[in-house]
Amino acid sequence: MQKNEFETMVKELLPAVTEQAMEKWTQYAQELEQDGTEKECDLYDAAYVELRLVKEHQGEPAAASLFNYGCLLYTSPSPRD
């Protein structure tokens, strides 16, 4: 899916997501696309499916927290960096 579709669908799925987290996720997806690691649309697809599953099995608060704070795990430098 494309960026706009991802943003709309995630906001419908998890109304408690923050704009800051959404910006971080989309920025991360763009960086992966630019360095050839993963296509932006593939990351959006995978992230959305995972968020739906977490919401279904763990509840909306857990899924929203994962989205809002999980982006920090992906975008923060690792201790090796």
Protein backbone atom coordinates (compact mmCIF):
# COMPACT_ATOMS: atom_id res chain seq x y z
CA MET A 1 0.00 0.00 0.00
CA GLN A 2 1.05 3.59 -0.47
CA LYS A 3 1.86 6.11 2.27
CA ASN A 4 -1.51 7.91 2.26
CA GLU A 5 -3.42 4.64 2.38
CA PHE A 6 -1.21 3.39 5.24
CA GLU A 7 -1.78 6.56 7.24
CA THR A 8 -5.55 6.42 6.74
CA MET A 9 -5.87 2.73 7.53
CA VAL A 10 -3.70 2.89 10.64
CA LYS A 11 -5.60 5.90 11.97
CA GLU A 12 -8.88 4.03 11.43
CA LEU A 13 -7.51 0.89 13.07
CA LEU A 14 -5.84 2.70 15.97
CA PRO A 15 -7.24 6.18 16.61
CA ALA A 16 -4.74 6.72 19.46
CA VAL A 17 -1.66 6.75 17.22
CA THR A 18 0.35 9.94 17.41
CA GLU A 19 1.32 12.16 14.50
CA GLN A 20 4.94 11.99 15.66
CA ALA A 21 4.90 8.19 15.45
CA MET A 22 3.25 8.30 12.02
CA GLU A 23 5.95 10.67 10.80
CA LYS A 24 8.69 8.39 12.17
CA TRP A 25 7.20 5.30 10.51
CA THR A 26 6.86 6.99 7.14
CA GLN A 27 10.34 8.49 7.40
CA TYR A 28 11.75 5.07 8.22
CA ALA A 29 9.94 3.51 5.26
CA GLN A 30 11.36 6.18 2.94
CA GLU A 31 14.89 5.59 4.26
CA LEU A 32 14.62 1.85 3.66
CA GLU A 33 13.41 2.47 0.12
CA GLN A 34 16.25 4.92 -0.57
CA ASP A 35 18.98 2.59 0.63
CA GLY A 36 17.48 -0.38 -1.21
CA THR A 37 16.73 -2.42 1.90
CA GLU A 38 12.97 -2.73 1.45
CA LYS A 39 10.28 -1.19 -0.68
CA GLU A 40 8.25 1.43 1.14
CA CYS A 41 4.95 -0.21 0.16
CA ASP A 42 6.13 -3.60 1.47
CA LEU A 43 6.93 -2.15 4.89
CA TYR A 44 3.52 -0.48 5.04
CA ASP A 45 1.80 -3.75 4.12
CA ALA A 46 3.70 -5.79 6.70
CA ALA A 47 3.34 -3.22 9.47
CA TYR A 48 -0.39 -2.91 8.93
CA VAL A 49 -0.94 -6.68 9.00
CA GLU A 50 1.10 -6.97 12.18
CA LEU A 51 -0.80 -4.12 13.84
CA ARG A 52 -4.13 -5.77 12.98
CA LEU A 53 -2.96 -9.05 14.49
CA VAL A 54 -1.68 -7.40 17.65
CA LYS A 55 -4.95 -5.51 18.03
CA GLU A 56 -6.95 -8.70 17.51
CA HIS A 57 -4.95 -10.77 19.99
CA GLN A 58 -3.62 -8.24 22.49
CA GLY A 59 -6.07 -5.35 22.22
CA GLU A 60 -6.08 -1.84 20.83
CA PRO A 61 -3.97 -0.25 23.62
CA ALA A 62 -1.15 -2.73 23.01
CA ALA A 63 -1.25 -2.20 19.25
CA ALA A 64 -1.30 1.60 19.61
CA SER A 65 1.63 1.47 22.05
CA LEU A 66 3.57 -0.75 19.68
CA PHE A 67 2.99 1.71 16.86
CA ASN A 68 3.68 4.82 18.94
CA TYR A 69 6.79 3.50 20.65
CA GLY A 70 7.84 0.67 18.37
CA CYS A 71 8.97 3.11 15.73
CA LEU A 72 11.66 4.21 18.15
CA LEU A 73 13.07 0.68 18.14
CA TYR A 74 13.40 0.71 14.39
CA THR A 75 14.74 4.21 14.02
CA SER A 76 17.14 4.44 16.98
CA PRO A 77 20.79 3.62 16.38
CA SER A 78 21.83 0.24 17.72
CA PRO A 79 24.56 -0.02 20.37
CA ARG A 80 26.89 -1.21 17.60
CA ASP A 81 26.52 2.07 15.67
